[in-house]
Amino acid sequence: MDKNNKKQLLPKSSLVIRLVAGMYLIYLAYQLVMRFKENASDGAPLAVTIVAIIIFSICGIILTVVNGKAFLKGEFQGGAMDVSKGEETEEDSQ
């Protein structure tokens, strides 16, 4: 029953893609802030720009921190925290 309750680990490529997506959202928020400072009258309305900056920043930071932390800890398939390989070898030897 414990095996069914375990959290499935993601492939390493998924973590990297999420990490890159988070950094890209942070970059987009930064670019919006820079454009906002230069020309407040051009482009989208003020409220839309501010909401986009906030949403991109929050989502980007969350994606970057959570997936970066998981990547550094090795919480992916074949990583340091992947115990499924160890369990398979124990079961095979018995």
PDB file of N, CA and C in Angstrom:
ATOM      1  N   MET A   1       0.812  -1.198   0.000  1.00  0.00           N
ATOM      2  CA  MET A   1       0.000   0.000   0.000  1.00  0.00           C
ATOM      3  C   MET A   1       0.857   1.265   0.000  1.00  0.00           C
ATOM      4  N   ASP A   2       2.046   1.177   0.586  1.00  0.00           N
ATOM      5  CA  ASP A   2       2.943   2.326   0.609  1.00  0.00           C
ATOM      6  C   ASP A   2       3.403   2.710  -0.783  1.00  0.00           C
ATOM      7  N   LYS A   3       3.556   1.712  -1.659  1.00  0.00           N
ATOM      8  CA  LYS A   3       4.019   2.000  -3.011  1.00  0.00           C
ATOM      9  C   LYS A   3       3.001   2.830  -3.786  1.00  0.00           C
ATOM     10  N   ASN A   4       1.724   2.643  -3.531  1.00  0.00           N
ATOM     11  CA  ASN A   4       0.687   3.402  -4.223  1.00  0.00           C
ATOM     12  C   ASN A   4       0.613   4.840  -3.739  1.00  0.00           C
ATOM     13  N   ASN A   5       1.014   5.084  -2.499  1.00  0.00           N
ATOM     14  CA  ASN A   5       0.936   6.426  -1.927  1.00  0.00           C
ATOM     15  C   ASN A   5       2.168   7.266  -2.241  1.00  0.00           C
ATOM     16  N   LYS A   6       3.187   6.669  -2.840  1.00  0.00           N
ATOM     17  CA  LYS A   6       4.406   7.411  -3.142  1.00  0.00           C
ATOM     18  C   LYS A   6       4.169   8.436  -4.233  1.00  0.00           C
ATOM     19  N   LYS A   7       4.890   9.513  -4.123  1.00  0.00           N
ATOM     20  CA  LYS A   7       4.835  10.572  -5.126  1.00  0.00           C
ATOM     21  C   LYS A   7       5.678  10.155  -6.323  1.00  0.00           C
ATOM     22  N   GLN A   8       5.092  10.174  -7.498  1.00  0.00           N
ATOM     23  CA  GLN A   8       5.813   9.825  -8.713  1.00  0.00           C
ATOM     24  C   GLN A   8       6.815  10.924  -9.036  1.00  0.00           C
ATOM     25  N   LEU A   9       8.030  10.539  -9.329  1.00  0.00           N
ATOM     26  CA  LEU A   9       9.066  11.505  -9.686  1.00  0.00           C
ATOM     27  C   LEU A   9       8.974  11.842 -11.166  1.00  0.00           C
ATOM     28  N   LEU A  10       9.216  13.088 -11.469  1.00  0.00           N
ATOM     29  CA  LEU A  10       9.174  13.562 -12.852  1.00  0.00           C
ATOM     30  C   LEU A  10      10.494  13.268 -13.550  1.00  0.00           C
ATOM     31  N   PRO A  11      10.457  13.191 -14.863  1.00  0.00           N
ATOM     32  CA  PRO A  11      11.730  13.078 -15.583  1.00  0.00           C
ATOM     33  C   PRO A  11      12.543  14.367 -15.429  1.00  0.00           C
ATOM     34  N   LYS A  12      13.841  14.230 -15.573  1.00  0.00           N
ATOM     35  CA  LYS A  12      14.743  15.371 -15.429  1.00  0.00           C
ATOM     36  C   LYS A  12      14.418  16.459 -16.450  1.00  0.00           C
ATOM     37  N   SER A  13      14.029  16.053 -17.648  1.00  0.00           N
ATOM     38  CA  SER A  13      13.725  17.028 -18.696  1.00  0.00           C
ATOM     39  C   SER A  13      12.524  17.896 -18.330  1.00  0.00           C
ATOM     40  N   SER A  14      11.545  17.327 -17.642  1.00  0.00           N
ATOM     41  CA  SER A  14      10.378  18.112 -17.226  1.00  0.00           C
ATOM     42  C   SER A  14      10.763  19.195 -16.228  1.00  0.00           C
ATOM     43  N   LEU A  15      11.634  18.839 -15.295  1.00  0.00           N
ATOM     44  CA  LEU A  15      12.088  19.835 -14.326  1.00  0.00           C
ATOM     45  C   LEU A  15      12.855  20.966 -15.009  1.00  0.00           C
ATOM     46  N   VAL A  16      13.689  20.607 -15.964  1.00  0.00           N
ATOM     47  CA  VAL A  16      14.474  21.627 -16.665  1.00  0.00           C
ATOM     48  C   VAL A  16      13.563  22.536 -17.477  1.00  0.00           C
ATOM     49  N   ILE A  17      12.568  21.965 -18.158  1.00  0.00           N
ATOM     50  CA  ILE A  17      11.630  22.780 -18.944  1.00  0.00           C
ATOM     51  C   ILE A  17      10.848  23.718 -18.034  1.00  0.00           C
ATOM     52  N   ARG A  18      10.402  23.234 -16.894  1.00  0.00           N
ATOM     53  CA  ARG A  18       9.674  24.087 -15.948  1.00  0.00           C
ATOM     54  C   ARG A  18      10.577  25.182 -15.389  1.00  0.00           C
ATOM     55  N   LEU A  19      11.821  24.847 -15.141  1.00  0.00           N
ATOM     56  CA  LEU A  19      12.775  25.827 -14.638  1.00  0.00           C
ATOM     57  C   LEU A  19      13.013  26.929 -15.663  1.00  0.00           C
ATOM     58  N   VAL A  20      13.186  26.552 -16.907  1.00  0.00           N
ATOM     59  CA  VAL A  20      13.388  27.528 -17.979  1.00  0.00           C
ATOM     60  C   VAL A  20      12.129  28.381 -18.170  1.00  0.00           C
ATOM     61  N   ALA A  21      10.953  27.759 -18.094  1.00  0.00           N
ATOM     62  CA  ALA A  21       9.698  28.510 -18.230  1.00  0.00           C
ATOM     63  C   ALA A  21       9.551  29.538 -17.106  1.00  0.00           C
ATOM     64  N   GLY A  22       9.921  29.165 -15.891  1.00  0.00           N
ATOM     65  CA  GLY A  22       9.865  30.096 -14.770  1.00  0.00           C
ATOM     66  C   GLY A  22      10.799  31.276 -14.958  1.00  0.00           C
ATOM     67  N   MET A  23      12.008  30.990 -15.433  1.00  0.00           N
ATOM     68  CA  MET A  23      12.959  32.081 -15.680  1.00  0.00           C
ATOM     69  C   MET A  23      12.484  32.985 -16.819  1.00  0.00           C
ATOM     70  N   TYR A  24      11.830  32.398 -17.809  1.00  0.00           N
ATOM     71  CA  TYR A  24      11.312  33.200 -18.914  1.00  0.00           C
ATOM     72  C   TYR A  24      10.176  34.113 -18.438  1.00  0.00           C
ATOM     73  N   LEU A  25       9.326  33.626 -17.553  1.00  0.00           N
ATOM     74  CA  LEU A  25       8.259  34.473 -17.007  1.00  0.00           C
ATOM     75  C   LEU A  25       8.850  35.638 -16.207  1.00  0.00           C
ATOM     76  N   ILE A  26       9.902  35.374 -15.460  1.00  0.00           N
ATOM     77  CA  ILE A  26      10.564  36.451 -14.721  1.00  0.00           C
ATOM     78  C   ILE A  26      11.151  37.466 -15.697  1.00  0.00           C
ATOM     79  N   TYR A  27      11.753  36.983 -16.776  1.00  0.00           N
ATOM     80  CA  TYR A  27      12.300  37.866 -17.804  1.00  0.00           C
ATOM     81  C   TYR A  27      11.194  38.718 -18.440  1.00  0.00           C
ATOM     82  N   LEU A  28      10.050  38.107 -18.739  1.00  0.00           N
ATOM     83  CA  LEU A  28       8.934  38.864 -19.319  1.00  0.00           C
ATOM     84  C   LEU A  28       8.437  39.949 -18.370  1.00  0.00           C
ATOM     85  N   ALA A  29       8.344  39.614 -17.092  1.00  0.00           N
ATOM     86  CA  ALA A  29       7.917  40.609 -16.107  1.00  0.00           C
ATOM     87  C   ALA A  29       8.923  41.756 -16.043  1.00  0.00           C
ATOM     88  N   TYR A  30      10.206  41.428 -16.089  1.00  0.00           N
ATOM     89  CA  TYR A  30      11.247  42.452 -16.084  1.00  0.00           C
ATOM     90  C   TYR A  30      11.131  43.364 -17.311  1.00  0.00           C
ATOM     91  N   GLN A  31      10.913  42.765 -18.481  1.00  0.00           N
ATOM     92  CA  GLN A  31      10.765  43.550 -19.705  1.00  0.00           C
ATOM     93  C   GLN A  31       9.530  44.456 -19.640  1.00  0.00           C
ATOM     94  N   LEU A  32       8.453  43.959 -19.059  1.00  0.00           N
ATOM     95  CA  LEU A  32       7.252  44.787 -18.904  1.00  0.00           C
ATOM     96  C   LEU A  32       7.521  45.974 -17.986  1.00  0.00           C
ATOM     97  N   VAL A  33       8.275  45.756 -16.914  1.00  0.00           N
ATOM     98  CA  VAL A  33       8.604  46.851 -15.998  1.00  0.00           C
ATOM     99  C   VAL A  33       9.464  47.898 -16.703  1.00  0.00           C
ATOM    100  N   MET A  34      10.436  47.453 -17.480  1.00  0.00           N
ATOM    101  CA  MET A  34      11.312  48.390 -18.192  1.00  0.00           C
ATOM    102  C   MET A  34      10.528  49.199 -19.227  1.00  0.00           C
ATOM    103  N   ARG A  35       9.648  48.550 -19.951  1.00  0.00           N
ATOM    104  CA  ARG A  35       8.828  49.266 -20.943  1.00  0.00           C
ATOM    105  C   ARG A  35       7.836  50.201 -20.260  1.00  0.00           C
ATOM    106  N   PHE A  36       7.348  49.765 -19.113  1.00  0.00           N
ATOM    107  CA  PHE A  36       6.401  50.574 -18.356  1.00  0.00           C
ATOM    108  C   PHE A  36       7.061  51.875 -17.910  1.00  0.00           C
ATOM    109  N   LYS A  37       8.307  51.793 -17.512  1.00  0.00           N
ATOM    110  CA  LYS A  37       9.032  53.000 -17.072  1.00  0.00           C
ATOM    111  C   LYS A  37       9.310  53.936 -18.245  1.00  0.00           C
ATOM    112  N   GLU A  38       9.604  53.370 -19.408  1.00  0.00           N
ATOM    113  CA  GLU A  38       9.945  54.194 -20.574  1.00  0.00           C
ATOM    114  C   GLU A  38       8.726  54.937 -21.130  1.00  0.00           C
ATOM    115  N   ASN A  39       7.712  54.194 -21.525  1.00  0.00           N
ATOM    116  CA  ASN A  39       6.529  54.786 -22.162  1.00  0.00           C
ATOM    117  C   ASN A  39       5.266  54.233 -21.531  1.00  0.00           C
ATOM    118  N   ALA A  40       4.743  54.956 -20.567  1.00  0.00           N
ATOM    119  CA  ALA A  40       3.528  54.508 -19.894  1.00  0.00           C
ATOM    120  C   ALA A  40       2.303  54.698 -20.785  1.00  0.00           C
ATOM    121  N   SER A  41       2.385  55.574 -21.778  1.00  0.00           N
ATOM    122  CA  SER A  41       1.217  55.854 -22.609  1.00  0.00           C
ATOM    123  C   SER A  41       1.056  54.868 -23.767  1.00  0.00           C
ATOM    124  N   ASP A  42       2.132  54.236 -24.206  1.00  0.00           N
ATOM    125  CA  ASP A  42       2.062  53.298 -25.323  1.00  0.00           C
ATOM    126  C   ASP A  42       1.659  51.906 -24.840  1.00  0.00           C
ATOM    127  N   GLY A  43       1.056  51.130 -25.732  1.00  0.00           N
ATOM    128  CA  GLY A  43       0.768  49.725 -25.443  1.00  0.00           C
ATOM    129  C   GLY A  43      -0.527  49.514 -24.690  1.00  0.00           C
ATOM    130  N   ALA A  44      -0.516  48.496 -23.865  1.00  0.00           N
ATOM    131  CA  ALA A  44      -1.708  48.071 -23.127  1.00  0.00           C
ATOM    132  C   ALA A  44      -2.069  49.085 -22.041  1.00  0.00           C
ATOM    133  N   PRO A  45      -3.312  49.034 -21.593  1.00  0.00           N
ATOM    134  CA  PRO A  45      -3.718  49.912 -20.487  1.00  0.00           C
ATOM    135  C   PRO A  45      -2.893  49.647 -19.222  1.00  0.00           C
ATOM    136  N   LEU A  46      -2.819  50.643 -18.393  1.00  0.00           N
ATOM    137  CA  LEU A  46      -2.008  50.591 -17.177  1.00  0.00           C
ATOM    138  C   LEU A  46      -2.380  49.409 -16.284  1.00  0.00           C
ATOM    139  N   ALA A  47      -3.650  49.186 -16.052  1.00  0.00           N
ATOM    140  CA  ALA A  47      -4.093  48.113 -15.162  1.00  0.00           C
ATOM    141  C   ALA A  47      -3.704  46.735 -15.702  1.00  0.00           C
ATOM    142  N   VAL A  48      -3.829  46.543 -17.002  1.00  0.00           N
ATOM    143  CA  VAL A  48      -3.479  45.267 -17.616  1.00  0.00           C
ATOM    144  C   VAL A  48      -1.984  45.003 -17.477  1.00  0.00           C
ATOM    145  N   THR A  49      -1.194  46.018 -17.676  1.00  0.00           N
ATOM    146  CA  THR A  49       0.258  45.880 -17.565  1.00  0.00           C
ATOM    147  C   THR A  49       0.668  45.520 -16.143  1.00  0.00           C
ATOM    148  N   ILE A  50       0.097  46.185 -15.178  1.00  0.00           N
ATOM    149  CA  ILE A  50       0.435  45.922 -13.774  1.00  0.00           C
ATOM    150  C   ILE A  50       0.016  44.508 -13.369  1.00  0.00           C
ATOM    151  N   VAL A  51      -1.173  44.091 -13.775  1.00  0.00           N
ATOM    152  CA  VAL A  51      -1.646  42.736 -13.457  1.00  0.00           C
ATOM    153  C   VAL A  51      -0.740  41.693 -14.118  1.00  0.00           C
ATOM    154  N   ALA A  52      -0.339  41.930 -15.354  1.00  0.00           N
ATOM    155  CA  ALA A  52       0.551  40.996 -16.050  1.00  0.00           C
ATOM    156  C   ALA A  52       1.902  40.913 -15.353  1.00  0.00           C
ATOM    157  N   ILE A  53       2.431  42.032 -14.916  1.00  0.00           N
ATOM    158  CA  ILE A  53       3.712  42.041 -14.203  1.00  0.00           C
ATOM    159  C   ILE A  53       3.609  41.210 -12.928  1.00  0.00           C
ATOM    160  N   ILE A  54       2.545  41.401 -12.184  1.00  0.00           N
ATOM    161  CA  ILE A  54       2.362  40.675 -10.919  1.00  0.00           C
ATOM    162  C   ILE A  54       2.210  39.179 -11.167  1.00  0.00           C
ATOM    163  N   ILE A  55       1.357  38.810 -12.114  1.00  0.00           N
ATOM    164  CA  ILE A  55       1.117  37.385 -12.393  1.00  0.00           C
ATOM    165  C   ILE A  55       2.379  36.712 -12.924  1.00  0.00           C
ATOM    166  N   PHE A  56       3.055  37.335 -13.876  1.00  0.00           N
ATOM    167  CA  PHE A  56       4.281  36.746 -14.432  1.00  0.00           C
ATOM    168  C   PHE A  56       5.348  36.603 -13.353  1.00  0.00           C
ATOM    169  N   SER A  57       5.476  37.611 -12.495  1.00  0.00           N
ATOM    170  CA  SER A  57       6.483  37.560 -11.438  1.00  0.00           C
ATOM    171  C   SER A  57       6.215  36.436 -10.455  1.00  0.00           C
ATOM    172  N   ILE A  58       4.985  36.351  -9.978  1.00  0.00           N
ATOM    173  CA  ILE A  58       4.633  35.336  -8.985  1.00  0.00           C
ATOM    174  C   ILE A  58       4.792  33.930  -9.560  1.00  0.00           C
ATOM    175  N   CYS A  59       4.216  33.699 -10.730  1.00  0.00           N
ATOM    176  CA  CYS A  59       4.304  32.369 -11.344  1.00  0.00           C
ATOM    177  C   CYS A  59       5.748  32.011 -11.686  1.00  0.00           C
ATOM    178  N   GLY A  60       6.507  32.967 -12.179  1.00  0.00           N
ATOM    179  CA  GLY A  60       7.900  32.716 -12.518  1.00  0.00           C
ATOM    180  C   GLY A  60       8.740  32.374 -11.304  1.00  0.00           C
ATOM    181  N   ILE A  61       8.548  33.107 -10.225  1.00  0.00           N
ATOM    182  CA  ILE A  61       9.311  32.837  -9.007  1.00  0.00           C
ATOM    183  C   ILE A  61       8.946  31.476  -8.434  1.00  0.00           C
ATOM    184  N   ILE A  62       7.656  31.151  -8.408  1.00  0.00           N
ATOM    185  CA  ILE A  62       7.227  29.848  -7.884  1.00  0.00           C
ATOM    186  C   ILE A  62       7.804  28.713  -8.717  1.00  0.00           C
ATOM    187  N   LEU A  63       7.679  28.803 -10.036  1.00  0.00           N
ATOM    188  CA  LEU A  63       8.216  27.751 -10.904  1.00  0.00           C
ATOM    189  C   LEU A  63       9.722  27.598 -10.738  1.00  0.00           C
ATOM    190  N   THR A  64      10.426  28.705 -10.692  1.00  0.00           N
ATOM    191  CA  THR A  64      11.878  28.657 -10.586  1.00  0.00           C
ATOM    192  C   THR A  64      12.326  28.088  -9.249  1.00  0.00           C
ATOM    193  N   VAL A  65      11.736  28.542  -8.169  1.00  0.00           N
ATOM    194  CA  VAL A  65      12.166  28.098  -6.840  1.00  0.00           C
ATOM    195  C   VAL A  65      11.812  26.624  -6.610  1.00  0.00           C
ATOM    196  N   VAL A  66      10.578  26.249  -6.880  1.00  0.00           N
ATOM    197  CA  VAL A  66      10.139  24.879  -6.605  1.00  0.00           C
ATOM    198  C   VAL A  66      10.894  23.872  -7.461  1.00  0.00           C
ATOM    199  N   ASN A  67      10.985  24.127  -8.750  1.00  0.00           N
ATOM    200  CA  ASN A  67      11.638  23.168  -9.632  1.00  0.00           C
ATOM    201  C   ASN A  67      13.159  23.225  -9.519  1.00  0.00           C
ATOM    202  N   GLY A  68      13.714  24.384  -9.232  1.00  0.00           N
ATOM    203  CA  GLY A  68      15.146  24.475  -8.993  1.00  0.00           C
ATOM    204  C   GLY A  68      15.552  23.714  -7.743  1.00  0.00           C
ATOM    205  N   LYS A  69      14.741  23.830  -6.714  1.00  0.00           N
ATOM    206  CA  LYS A  69      14.993  23.111  -5.469  1.00  0.00           C
ATOM    207  C   LYS A  69      14.921  21.594  -5.694  1.00  0.00           C
ATOM    208  N   ALA A  70      13.898  21.146  -6.419  1.00  0.00           N
ATOM    209  CA  ALA A  70      13.751  19.720  -6.712  1.00  0.00           C
ATOM    210  C   ALA A  70      14.904  19.218  -7.570  1.00  0.00           C
ATOM    211  N   PHE A  71      15.343  20.031  -8.517  1.00  0.00           N
ATOM    212  CA  PHE A  71      16.453  19.642  -9.387  1.00  0.00           C
ATOM    213  C   PHE A  71      17.749  19.512  -8.597  1.00  0.00           C
ATOM    214  N   LEU A  72      18.014  20.469  -7.723  1.00  0.00           N
ATOM    215  CA  LEU A  72      19.240  20.431  -6.934  1.00  0.00           C
ATOM    216  C   LEU A  72      19.253  19.284  -5.926  1.00  0.00           C
ATOM    217  N   LYS A  73      18.072  18.926  -5.396  1.00  0.00           N
ATOM    218  CA  LYS A  73      17.978  17.808  -4.453  1.00  0.00           C
ATOM    219  C   LYS A  73      18.047  16.459  -5.161  1.00  0.00           C
ATOM    220  N   GLY A  74      17.819  16.439  -6.455  1.00  0.00           N
ATOM    221  CA  GLY A  74      17.826  15.183  -7.196  1.00  0.00           C
ATOM    222  C   GLY A  74      16.489  14.480  -7.182  1.00  0.00           C
ATOM    223  N   GLU A  75      15.406  15.228  -7.042  1.00  0.00           N
ATOM    224  CA  GLU A  75      14.066  14.657  -7.007  1.00  0.00           C
ATOM    225  C   GLU A  75      13.516  14.481  -8.414  1.00  0.00           C
ATOM    226  N   PHE A  76      14.168  13.635  -9.191  1.00  0.00           N
ATOM    227  CA  PHE A  76      13.708  13.300 -10.532  1.00  0.00           C
ATOM    228  C   PHE A  76      14.077  11.847 -10.793  1.00  0.00           C
ATOM    229  N   GLN A  77      13.515  11.291 -11.846  1.00  0.00           N
ATOM    230  CA  GLN A  77      13.779   9.893 -12.167  1.00  0.00           C
ATOM    231  C   GLN A  77      15.255   9.693 -12.439  1.00  0.00           C
ATOM    232  N   GLY A  78      15.862   8.796 -11.665  1.00  0.00           N
ATOM    233  CA  GLY A  78      17.284   8.542 -11.802  1.00  0.00           C
ATOM    234  C   GLY A  78      18.146   9.461 -10.966  1.00  0.00           C
ATOM    235  N   GLY A  79      17.541  10.367 -10.218  1.00  0.00           N
ATOM    236  CA  GLY A  79      18.294  11.296  -9.385  1.00  0.00           C
ATOM    237  C   GLY A  79      18.647  10.694  -8.042  1.00  0.00           C
ATOM    238  N   ALA A  80      19.236  11.492  -7.175  1.00  0.00           N
ATOM    239  CA  ALA A  80      19.691  11.037  -5.867  1.00  0.00           C
ATOM    240  C   ALA A  80      18.532  10.592  -4.972  1.00  0.00           C
ATOM    241  N   MET A  81      17.370  11.198  -5.135  1.00  0.00           N
ATOM    242  CA  MET A  81      16.226  10.875  -4.282  1.00  0.00           C
ATOM    243  C   MET A  81      15.342   9.766  -4.860  1.00  0.00           C
ATOM    244  N   ASP A  82      15.710   9.209  -5.996  1.00  0.00           N
ATOM    245  CA  ASP A  82      14.934   8.146  -6.629  1.00  0.00           C
ATOM    246  C   ASP A  82      15.266   6.822  -5.947  1.00  0.00           C
ATOM    247  N   VAL A  83      14.333   6.352  -5.101  1.00  0.00           N
ATOM    248  CA  VAL A  83      14.545   5.104  -4.371  1.00  0.00           C
ATOM    249  C   VAL A  83      13.901   3.917  -5.070  1.00  0.00           C
ATOM    250  N   SER A  84      13.234   4.146  -6.180  1.00  0.00           N
ATOM    251  CA  SER A  84      12.563   3.035  -6.854  1.00  0.00           C
ATOM    252  C   SER A  84      13.568   2.027  -7.388  1.00  0.00           C
ATOM    253  N   LYS A  85      14.753   2.471  -7.793  1.00  0.00           N
ATOM    254  CA  LYS A  85      15.787   1.538  -8.258  1.00  0.00           C
ATOM    255  C   LYS A  85      16.240   0.639  -7.120  1.00  0.00           C
ATOM    256  N   GLY A  86      16.447   1.204  -5.958  1.00  0.00           N
ATOM    257  CA  GLY A  86      16.896   0.430  -4.802  1.00  0.00           C
ATOM    258  C   GLY A  86      15.869  -0.593  -4.364  1.00  0.00           C
ATOM    259  N   GLU A  87      14.584  -0.238  -4.418  1.00  0.00           N
ATOM    260  CA  GLU A  87      13.533  -1.170  -4.032  1.00  0.00           C
ATOM    261  C   GLU A  87      13.436  -2.330  -5.010  1.00  0.00           C
ATOM    262  N   GLU A  88      13.607  -2.061  -6.291  1.00  0.00           N
ATOM    263  CA  GLU A  88      13.526  -3.106  -7.293  1.00  0.00           C
ATOM    264  C   GLU A  88      14.642  -4.120  -7.108  1.00  0.00           C
ATOM    265  N   THR A  89      15.829  -3.647  -6.774  1.00  0.00           N
ATOM    266  CA  THR A  89      16.949  -4.570  -6.607  1.00  0.00           C
ATOM    267  C   THR A  89      16.785  -5.396  -5.332  1.00  0.00           C
ATOM    268  N   GLU A  90      16.212  -4.826  -4.280  1.00  0.00           N
ATOM    269  CA  GLU A  90      15.966  -5.586  -3.058  1.00  0.00           C
ATOM    270  C   GLU A  90      14.943  -6.683  -3.293  1.00  0.00           C
ATOM    271  N   GLU A  91      13.870  -6.380  -4.025  1.00  0.00           N
ATOM    272  CA  GLU A  91      12.828  -7.359  -4.299  1.00  0.00           C
ATOM    273  C   GLU A  91      13.344  -8.476  -5.194  1.00  0.00           C
ATOM    274  N   ASP A  92      14.213  -8.120  -6.161  1.00  0.00           N
ATOM    275  CA  ASP A  92      14.748  -9.113  -7.077  1.00  0.00           C
ATOM    276  C   ASP A  92      15.673 -10.087  -6.351  1.00  0.00           C
ATOM    277  N   SER A  93      16.399  -9.619  -5.349  1.00  0.00           N
ATOM    278  CA  SER A  93      17.357 -10.479  -4.663  1.00  0.00           C
ATOM    279  C   SER A  93      16.688 -11.454  -3.710  1.00  0.00           C
ATOM    280  N   GLN A  94      15.441 -11.195  -3.308  1.00  0.00           N
ATOM    281  CA  GLN A  94      14.754 -12.074  -2.344  1.00  0.00           C
ATOM    282  C   GLN A  94      14.057 -13.216  -2.993  1.00  0.00           C
TER     283      GLN A  94
END
